């Protein structure tokens, strides 16, 4: 199984598994908060834990960096100028 991302808008991506959209990767902006922004990857459909595709152990995962989210999905960070 291969994951890829397609950018929808700045900070928002579809996550595709073998070419089918199954999740979203979004920038969670915390305006007016001292906490830093995070990125979250969330499955689009509620799926029982036993049926979730790897590496989804939960319905939603939160990351400090976009690169960490991509790494978790097994997607290499693109080189500068080739945004994923």
PDB file of N, CA and C in Angstrom:
ATOM      1  N   UNK A   1       0.846  -1.167   0.000  1.00  0.00           N
ATOM      2  CA  UNK A   1       0.000   0.000   0.000  1.00  0.00           C
ATOM      3  C   UNK A   1       0.891   1.229   0.000  1.00  0.00           C
ATOM      4  N   UNK A   2       0.530   2.184  -0.849  1.00  0.00           N
ATOM      5  CA  UNK A   2       1.327   3.384  -1.016  1.00  0.00           C
ATOM      6  C   UNK A   2       0.483   4.610  -0.701  1.00  0.00           C
ATOM      7  N   UNK A   3       1.040   5.487   0.127  1.00  0.00           N
ATOM      8  CA  UNK A   3       0.369   6.741   0.452  1.00  0.00           C
ATOM      9  C   UNK A   3       0.992   7.883  -0.337  1.00  0.00           C
ATOM     10  N   UNK A   4       0.147   8.795  -0.785  1.00  0.00           N
ATOM     11  CA  UNK A   4       0.579  10.028  -1.426  1.00  0.00           C
ATOM     12  C   UNK A   4      -0.312  11.150  -0.901  1.00  0.00           C
ATOM     13  N   UNK A   5       0.113  12.386  -1.119  1.00  0.00           N
ATOM     14  CA  UNK A   5      -0.710  13.531  -0.742  1.00  0.00           C
ATOM     15  C   UNK A   5      -0.869  14.455  -1.941  1.00  0.00           C
ATOM     16  N   UNK A   6      -2.023  15.103  -2.005  1.00  0.00           N
ATOM     17  CA  UNK A   6      -2.292  16.102  -3.034  1.00  0.00           C
ATOM     18  C   UNK A   6      -2.731  17.372  -2.325  1.00  0.00           C
ATOM     19  N   UNK A   7      -2.060  18.470  -2.622  1.00  0.00           N
ATOM     20  CA  UNK A   7      -2.385  19.726  -1.961  1.00  0.00           C
ATOM     21  C   UNK A   7      -3.698  20.284  -2.497  1.00  0.00           C
ATOM     22  N   UNK A   8      -4.564  20.692  -1.567  1.00  0.00           N
ATOM     23  CA  UNK A   8      -5.846  21.296  -1.918  1.00  0.00           C
ATOM     24  C   UNK A   8      -5.751  22.812  -1.827  1.00  0.00           C
ATOM     25  N   UNK A   9      -5.174  23.287  -0.738  1.00  0.00           N
ATOM     26  CA  UNK A   9      -4.987  24.710  -0.462  1.00  0.00           C
ATOM     27  C   UNK A   9      -3.779  24.795   0.469  1.00  0.00           C
ATOM     28  N   UNK A  10      -3.240  25.985   0.693  1.00  0.00           N
ATOM     29  CA  UNK A  10      -2.100  26.079   1.613  1.00  0.00           C
ATOM     30  C   UNK A  10      -2.422  25.428   2.963  1.00  0.00           C
ATOM     31  N   UNK A  11      -1.625  24.450   3.355  1.00  0.00           N
ATOM     32  CA  UNK A  11      -1.791  23.771   4.635  1.00  0.00           C
ATOM     33  C   UNK A  11      -2.834  22.668   4.649  1.00  0.00           C
ATOM     34  N   UNK A  12      -3.414  22.318   3.501  1.00  0.00           N
ATOM     35  CA  UNK A  12      -4.471  21.310   3.441  1.00  0.00           C
ATOM     36  C   UNK A  12      -4.188  20.320   2.312  1.00  0.00           C
ATOM     37  N   UNK A  13      -4.228  19.036   2.646  1.00  0.00           N
ATOM     38  CA  UNK A  13      -3.902  17.993   1.683  1.00  0.00           C
ATOM     39  C   UNK A  13      -4.889  16.836   1.781  1.00  0.00           C
ATOM     40  N   UNK A  14      -5.159  16.187   0.667  1.00  0.00           N
ATOM     41  CA  UNK A  14      -5.828  14.893   0.658  1.00  0.00           C
ATOM     42  C   UNK A  14      -4.738  13.850   0.839  1.00  0.00           C
ATOM     43  N   UNK A  15      -5.036  12.811   1.601  1.00  0.00           N
ATOM     44  CA  UNK A  15      -4.129  11.677   1.748  1.00  0.00           C
ATOM     45  C   UNK A  15      -4.742  10.535   0.958  1.00  0.00           C
ATOM     46  N   UNK A  16      -3.987  10.042  -0.002  1.00  0.00           N
ATOM     47  CA  UNK A  16      -4.472   8.964  -0.863  1.00  0.00           C
ATOM     48  C   UNK A  16      -3.725   7.671  -0.549  1.00  0.00           C
ATOM     49  N   UNK A  17      -4.471   6.592  -0.543  1.00  0.00           N
ATOM     50  CA  UNK A  17      -3.882   5.253  -0.372  1.00  0.00           C
ATOM     51  C   UNK A  17      -4.164   4.501  -1.660  1.00  0.00           C
ATOM     52  N   UNK A  18      -3.118   4.159  -2.365  1.00  0.00           N
ATOM     53  CA  UNK A  18      -3.249   3.489  -3.663  1.00  0.00           C
ATOM     54  C   UNK A  18      -4.202   4.266  -4.579  1.00  0.00           C
ATOM     55  N   UNK A  19      -4.098   5.607  -4.540  1.00  0.00           N
ATOM     56  CA  UNK A  19      -4.860   6.466  -5.433  1.00  0.00           C
ATOM     57  C   UNK A  19      -6.257   6.837  -4.973  1.00  0.00           C
ATOM     58  N   UNK A  20      -6.701   6.348  -3.800  1.00  0.00           N
ATOM     59  CA  UNK A  20      -8.036   6.637  -3.288  1.00  0.00           C
ATOM     60  C   UNK A  20      -7.916   7.514  -2.040  1.00  0.00           C
ATOM     61  N   UNK A  21      -8.670   8.613  -1.994  1.00  0.00           N
ATOM     62  CA  UNK A  21      -8.627   9.530  -0.847  1.00  0.00           C
ATOM     63  C   UNK A  21      -9.221   8.834   0.370  1.00  0.00           C
ATOM     64  N   UNK A  22      -8.409   8.729   1.444  1.00  0.00           N
ATOM     65  CA  UNK A  22      -8.898   8.092   2.671  1.00  0.00           C
ATOM     66  C   UNK A  22      -8.772   8.988   3.897  1.00  0.00           C
ATOM     67  N   UNK A  23      -7.989  10.065   3.786  1.00  0.00           N
ATOM     68  CA  UNK A  23      -7.742  10.902   4.957  1.00  0.00           C
ATOM     69  C   UNK A  23      -7.404  12.319   4.521  1.00  0.00           C
ATOM     70  N   UNK A  24      -7.309  13.192   5.498  1.00  0.00           N
ATOM     71  CA  UNK A  24      -6.880  14.568   5.235  1.00  0.00           C
ATOM     72  C   UNK A  24      -5.693  14.890   6.136  1.00  0.00           C
ATOM     73  N   UNK A  25      -4.836  15.752   5.638  1.00  0.00           N
ATOM     74  CA  UNK A  25      -3.693  16.273   6.387  1.00  0.00           C
ATOM     75  C   UNK A  25      -3.866  17.785   6.392  1.00  0.00           C
ATOM     76  N   UNK A  26      -4.070  18.354   7.579  1.00  0.00           N
ATOM     77  CA  UNK A  26      -4.345  19.783   7.661  1.00  0.00           C
ATOM     78  C   UNK A  26      -3.487  20.453   8.728  1.00  0.00           C
ATOM     79  N   UNK A  27      -3.268  21.737   8.506  1.00  0.00           N
ATOM     80  CA  UNK A  27      -2.576  22.580   9.468  1.00  0.00           C
ATOM     81  C   UNK A  27      -3.620  23.084  10.450  1.00  0.00           C
ATOM     82  N   UNK A  28      -3.418  22.817  11.730  1.00  0.00           N
ATOM     83  CA  UNK A  28      -4.311  23.282  12.789  1.00  0.00           C
ATOM     84  C   UNK A  28      -3.715  24.556  13.379  1.00  0.00           C
ATOM     85  N   UNK A  29      -4.227  25.700  12.968  1.00  0.00           N
ATOM     86  CA  UNK A  29      -3.705  26.989  13.411  1.00  0.00           C
ATOM     87  C   UNK A  29      -4.344  27.354  14.742  1.00  0.00           C
ATOM     88  N   UNK A  30      -3.525  27.751  15.698  1.00  0.00           N
ATOM     89  CA  UNK A  30      -4.007  28.111  17.036  1.00  0.00           C
ATOM     90  C   UNK A  30      -3.861  29.616  17.237  1.00  0.00           C
ATOM     91  N   UNK A  31      -4.748  30.369  16.638  1.00  0.00           N
ATOM     92  CA  UNK A  31      -4.708  31.829  16.760  1.00  0.00           C
ATOM     93  C   UNK A  31      -4.980  32.240  18.200  1.00  0.00           C
ATOM     94  N   UNK A  32      -4.196  33.208  18.666  1.00  0.00           N
ATOM     95  CA  UNK A  32      -4.399  33.727  20.002  1.00  0.00           C
ATOM     96  C   UNK A  32      -3.955  32.779  21.100  1.00  0.00           C
ATOM     97  N   UNK A  33      -3.239  31.740  20.739  1.00  0.00           N
ATOM     98  CA  UNK A  33      -2.765  30.759  21.723  1.00  0.00           C
ATOM     99  C   UNK A  33      -1.251  30.773  21.765  1.00  0.00           C
ATOM    100  N   UNK A  34      -0.720  30.467  22.939  1.00  0.00           N
ATOM    101  CA  UNK A  34       0.732  30.380  23.064  1.00  0.00           C
ATOM    102  C   UNK A  34       1.238  29.010  22.592  1.00  0.00           C
ATOM    103  N   UNK A  35       0.319  28.085  22.355  1.00  0.00           N
ATOM    104  CA  UNK A  35       0.707  26.756  21.869  1.00  0.00           C
ATOM    105  C   UNK A  35       1.008  26.827  20.375  1.00  0.00           C
ATOM    106  N   UNK A  36       2.012  26.103  19.914  1.00  0.00           N
ATOM    107  CA  UNK A  36       2.362  26.141  18.486  1.00  0.00           C
ATOM    108  C   UNK A  36       1.313  25.443  17.623  1.00  0.00           C
ATOM    109  N   UNK A  37       1.279  25.814  16.357  1.00  0.00           N
ATOM    110  CA  UNK A  37       0.394  25.149  15.395  1.00  0.00           C
ATOM    111  C   UNK A  37       0.795  23.683  15.282  1.00  0.00           C
ATOM    112  N   UNK A  38      -0.149  22.843  14.954  1.00  0.00           N
ATOM    113  CA  UNK A  38       0.120  21.416  14.747  1.00  0.00           C
ATOM    114  C   UNK A  38      -0.457  21.003  13.398  1.00  0.00           C
ATOM    115  N   UNK A  39      -0.156  19.779  12.999  1.00  0.00           N
ATOM    116  CA  UNK A  39      -0.731  19.185  11.799  1.00  0.00           C
ATOM    117  C   UNK A  39      -1.475  17.932  12.238  1.00  0.00           C
ATOM    118  N   UNK A  40      -2.600  17.671  11.610  1.00  0.00           N
ATOM    119  CA  UNK A  40      -3.317  16.449  11.947  1.00  0.00           C
ATOM    120  C   UNK A  40      -3.642  15.669  10.685  1.00  0.00           C
ATOM    121  N   UNK A  41      -3.586  14.357  10.830  1.00  0.00           N
ATOM    122  CA  UNK A  41      -3.983  13.435   9.774  1.00  0.00           C
ATOM    123  C   UNK A  41      -5.182  12.680  10.337  1.00  0.00           C
ATOM    124  N   UNK A  42      -6.294  12.757   9.599  1.00  0.00           N
ATOM    125  CA  UNK A  42      -7.525  12.130  10.084  1.00  0.00           C
ATOM    126  C   UNK A  42      -8.191  11.332   8.968  1.00  0.00           C
ATOM    127  N   UNK A  43      -8.563  10.101   9.303  1.00  0.00           N
ATOM    128  CA  UNK A  43      -9.298   9.277   8.355  1.00  0.00           C
ATOM    129  C   UNK A  43     -10.647   9.925   8.066  1.00  0.00           C
ATOM    130  N   UNK A  44     -11.098   9.878   6.829  1.00  0.00           N
ATOM    131  CA  UNK A  44     -12.363  10.497   6.454  1.00  0.00           C
ATOM    132  C   UNK A  44     -13.561   9.723   6.980  1.00  0.00           C
ATOM    133  N   UNK A  45     -13.467   8.411   7.026  1.00  0.00           N
ATOM    134  CA  UNK A  45     -14.557   7.566   7.507  1.00  0.00           C
ATOM    135  C   UNK A  45     -14.204   6.978   8.860  1.00  0.00           C
ATOM    136  N   UNK A  46     -15.215   6.868   9.730  1.00  0.00           N
ATOM    137  CA  UNK A  46     -15.027   6.187  11.015  1.00  0.00           C
ATOM    138  C   UNK A  46     -14.791   4.708  10.716  1.00  0.00           C
ATOM    139  N   UNK A  47     -13.657   4.209  11.153  1.00  0.00           N
ATOM    140  CA  UNK A  47     -13.299   2.819  10.888  1.00  0.00           C
ATOM    141  C   UNK A  47     -12.949   2.161  12.214  1.00  0.00           C
ATOM    142  N   UNK A  48     -13.493   0.973  12.494  1.00  0.00           N
ATOM    143  CA  UNK A  48     -13.118   0.278  13.722  1.00  0.00           C
ATOM    144  C   UNK A  48     -11.603   0.063  13.765  1.00  0.00           C
ATOM    145  N   UNK A  49     -11.044   0.142  14.954  1.00  0.00           N
ATOM    146  CA  UNK A  49      -9.586   0.044  15.127  1.00  0.00           C
ATOM    147  C   UNK A  49      -8.988  -1.151  14.402  1.00  0.00           C
ATOM    148  N   UNK A  50      -9.632  -2.277  14.442  1.00  0.00           N
ATOM    149  CA  UNK A  50      -9.085  -3.489  13.835  1.00  0.00           C
ATOM    150  C   UNK A  50      -9.030  -3.420  12.308  1.00  0.00           C
ATOM    151  N   UNK A  51      -9.855  -2.535  11.699  1.00  0.00           N
ATOM    152  CA  UNK A  51      -9.902  -2.433  10.237  1.00  0.00           C
ATOM    153  C   UNK A  51      -9.153  -1.229   9.676  1.00  0.00           C
ATOM    154  N   UNK A  52      -8.574  -0.393  10.550  1.00  0.00           N
ATOM    155  CA  UNK A  52      -7.858   0.792  10.063  1.00  0.00           C
ATOM    156  C   UNK A  52      -6.587   0.385   9.326  1.00  0.00           C
ATOM    157  N   UNK A  53      -6.311   1.072   8.213  1.00  0.00           N
ATOM    158  CA  UNK A  53      -5.081   0.748   7.490  1.00  0.00           C
ATOM    159  C   UNK A  53      -3.855   1.233   8.262  1.00  0.00           C
ATOM    160  N   UNK A  54      -2.775   0.465   8.175  1.00  0.00           N
ATOM    161  CA  UNK A  54      -1.522   0.893   8.805  1.00  0.00           C
ATOM    162  C   UNK A  54      -1.086   2.189   8.140  1.00  0.00           C
ATOM    163  N   UNK A  55      -0.549   3.116   8.859  1.00  0.00           N
ATOM    164  CA  UNK A  55      -0.159   3.149  10.257  1.00  0.00           C
ATOM    165  C   UNK A  55      -1.195   3.798  11.182  1.00  0.00           C
ATOM    166  N   UNK A  56      -2.478   3.825  10.797  1.00  0.00           N
ATOM    167  CA  UNK A  56      -3.500   4.484  11.604  1.00  0.00           C
ATOM    168  C   UNK A  56      -3.908   3.625  12.790  1.00  0.00           C
ATOM    169  N   UNK A  57      -3.393   3.967  13.967  1.00  0.00           N
ATOM    170  CA  UNK A  57      -3.789   3.276  15.189  1.00  0.00           C
ATOM    171  C   UNK A  57      -5.019   3.960  15.794  1.00  0.00           C
ATOM    172  N   UNK A  58      -5.197   5.238  15.460  1.00  0.00           N
ATOM    173  CA  UNK A  58      -6.335   6.025  15.920  1.00  0.00           C
ATOM    174  C   UNK A  58      -7.003   6.647  14.694  1.00  0.00           C
ATOM    175  N   UNK A  59      -8.170   7.215  14.905  1.00  0.00           N
ATOM    176  CA  UNK A  59      -8.885   7.890  13.825  1.00  0.00           C
ATOM    177  C   UNK A  59      -8.136   9.148  13.398  1.00  0.00           C
ATOM    178  N   UNK A  60      -7.489   9.821  14.373  1.00  0.00           N
ATOM    179  CA  UNK A  60      -6.788  11.088  14.121  1.00  0.00           C
ATOM    180  C   UNK A  60      -5.444  11.068  14.835  1.00  0.00           C
ATOM    181  N   UNK A  61      -4.425  11.498  14.133  1.00  0.00           N
ATOM    182  CA  UNK A  61      -3.080  11.623  14.702  1.00  0.00           C
ATOM    183  C   UNK A  61      -2.632  13.074  14.573  1.00  0.00           C
ATOM    184  N   UNK A  62      -1.964  13.585  15.607  1.00  0.00           N
ATOM    185  CA  UNK A  62      -1.500  14.970  15.617  1.00  0.00           C
ATOM    186  C   UNK A  62       0.026  14.974  15.633  1.00  0.00           C
ATOM    187  N   UNK A  63       0.599  15.876  14.833  1.00  0.00           N
ATOM    188  CA  UNK A  63       2.052  15.991  14.698  1.00  0.00           C
ATOM    189  C   UNK A  63       2.472  17.444  14.853  1.00  0.00           C
ATOM    190  N   UNK A  64       3.685  17.660  15.333  1.00  0.00           N
ATOM    191  CA  UNK A  64       4.217  19.023  15.449  1.00  0.00           C
ATOM    192  C   UNK A  64       4.642  19.565  14.095  1.00  0.00           C
ATOM    193  N   UNK A  65       5.103  18.687  13.218  1.00  0.00           N
ATOM    194  CA  UNK A  65       5.626  19.102  11.913  1.00  0.00           C
ATOM    195  C   UNK A  65       4.960  18.325  10.784  1.00  0.00           C
ATOM    196  N   UNK A  66       4.795  18.979   9.657  1.00  0.00           N
ATOM    197  CA  UNK A  66       4.261  18.317   8.459  1.00  0.00           C
ATOM    198  C   UNK A  66       5.163  17.169   8.047  1.00  0.00           C
ATOM    199  N   UNK A  67       6.466  17.395   8.149  1.00  0.00           N
ATOM    200  CA  UNK A  67       7.422  16.350   7.762  1.00  0.00           C
ATOM    201  C   UNK A  67       7.253  15.100   8.628  1.00  0.00           C
ATOM    202  N   UNK A  68       6.898  15.265   9.906  1.00  0.00           N
ATOM    203  CA  UNK A  68       6.675  14.117  10.788  1.00  0.00           C
ATOM    204  C   UNK A  68       5.427  13.343  10.361  1.00  0.00           C
ATOM    205  N   UNK A  69       4.384  14.069   9.950  1.00  0.00           N
ATOM    206  CA  UNK A  69       3.162  13.414   9.467  1.00  0.00           C
ATOM    207  C   UNK A  69       3.453  12.630   8.194  1.00  0.00           C
ATOM    208  N   UNK A  70       4.188  13.248   7.267  1.00  0.00           N
ATOM    209  CA  UNK A  70       4.533  12.563   6.020  1.00  0.00           C
ATOM    210  C   UNK A  70       5.389  11.333   6.288  1.00  0.00           C
ATOM    211  N   UNK A  71       6.341  11.462   7.199  1.00  0.00           N
ATOM    212  CA  UNK A  71       7.209  10.332   7.531  1.00  0.00           C
ATOM    213  C   UNK A  71       6.387   9.165   8.084  1.00  0.00           C
ATOM    214  N   UNK A  72       5.416   9.479   8.941  1.00  0.00           N
ATOM    215  CA  UNK A  72       4.563   8.444   9.530  1.00  0.00           C
ATOM    216  C   UNK A  72       3.786   7.684   8.442  1.00  0.00           C
ATOM    217  N   UNK A  73       3.439   8.398   7.374  1.00  0.00           N
ATOM    218  CA  UNK A  73       2.722   7.778   6.256  1.00  0.00           C
ATOM    219  C   UNK A  73       3.662   7.129   5.245  1.00  0.00           C
ATOM    220  N   UNK A  74       4.968   7.239   5.485  1.00  0.00           N
ATOM    221  CA  UNK A  74       5.944   6.650   4.573  1.00  0.00           C
ATOM    222  C   UNK A  74       6.158   7.452   3.315  1.00  0.00           C
ATOM    223  N   UNK A  75       5.894   8.777   3.395  1.00  0.00           N
ATOM    224  CA  UNK A  75       6.062   9.667   2.255  1.00  0.00           C
ATOM    225  C   UNK A  75       7.303  10.497   2.482  1.00  0.00           C
ATOM    226  N   UNK A  76       8.221  10.499   1.532  1.00  0.00           N
ATOM    227  CA  UNK A  76       9.430  11.306   1.654  1.00  0.00           C
ATOM    228  C   UNK A  76       9.099  12.770   1.457  1.00  0.00           C
ATOM    229  N   UNK A  77       9.703  13.618   2.281  1.00  0.00           N
ATOM    230  CA  UNK A  77       9.551  15.067   2.146  1.00  0.00           C
ATOM    231  C   UNK A  77      10.111  15.479   0.793  1.00  0.00           C
ATOM    232  N   UNK A  78       9.310  16.187  -0.018  1.00  0.00           N
ATOM    233  CA  UNK A  78       9.816  16.595  -1.333  1.00  0.00           C
ATOM    234  C   UNK A  78      10.939  17.618  -1.200  1.00  0.00           C
ATOM    235  N   UNK A  79      11.762  17.681  -2.232  1.00  0.00           N
ATOM    236  CA  UNK A  79      12.838  18.669  -2.245  1.00  0.00           C
ATOM    237  C   UNK A  79      12.238  20.050  -2.362  1.00  0.00           C
ATOM    238  N   UNK A  80      13.000  21.077  -1.979  1.00  0.00           N
ATOM    239  CA  UNK A  80      12.533  22.462  -2.063  1.00  0.00           C
ATOM    240  C   UNK A  80      12.028  22.757  -3.466  1.00  0.00           C
ATOM    241  N   UNK A  81      10.878  23.431  -3.546  1.00  0.00           N
ATOM    242  CA  UNK A  81      10.305  23.761  -4.847  1.00  0.00           C
ATOM    243  C   UNK A  81       9.334  22.717  -5.361  1.00  0.00           C
ATOM    244  N   UNK A  82       9.287  21.547  -4.715  1.00  0.00           N
ATOM    245  CA  UNK A  82       8.357  20.481  -5.106  1.00  0.00           C
ATOM    246  C   UNK A  82       7.481  20.117  -3.925  1.00  0.00           C
ATOM    247  N   UNK A  83       6.591  21.012  -3.508  1.00  0.00           N
ATOM    248  CA  UNK A  83       5.767  20.800  -2.320  1.00  0.00           C
ATOM    249  C   UNK A  83       4.858  19.588  -2.487  1.00  0.00           C
ATOM    250  N   UNK A  84       4.712  18.850  -1.371  1.00  0.00           N
ATOM    251  CA  UNK A  84       3.790  17.709  -1.372  1.00  0.00           C
ATOM    252  C   UNK A  84       2.507  18.091  -0.712  1.00  0.00           C
TER     253      UNK A  84
END
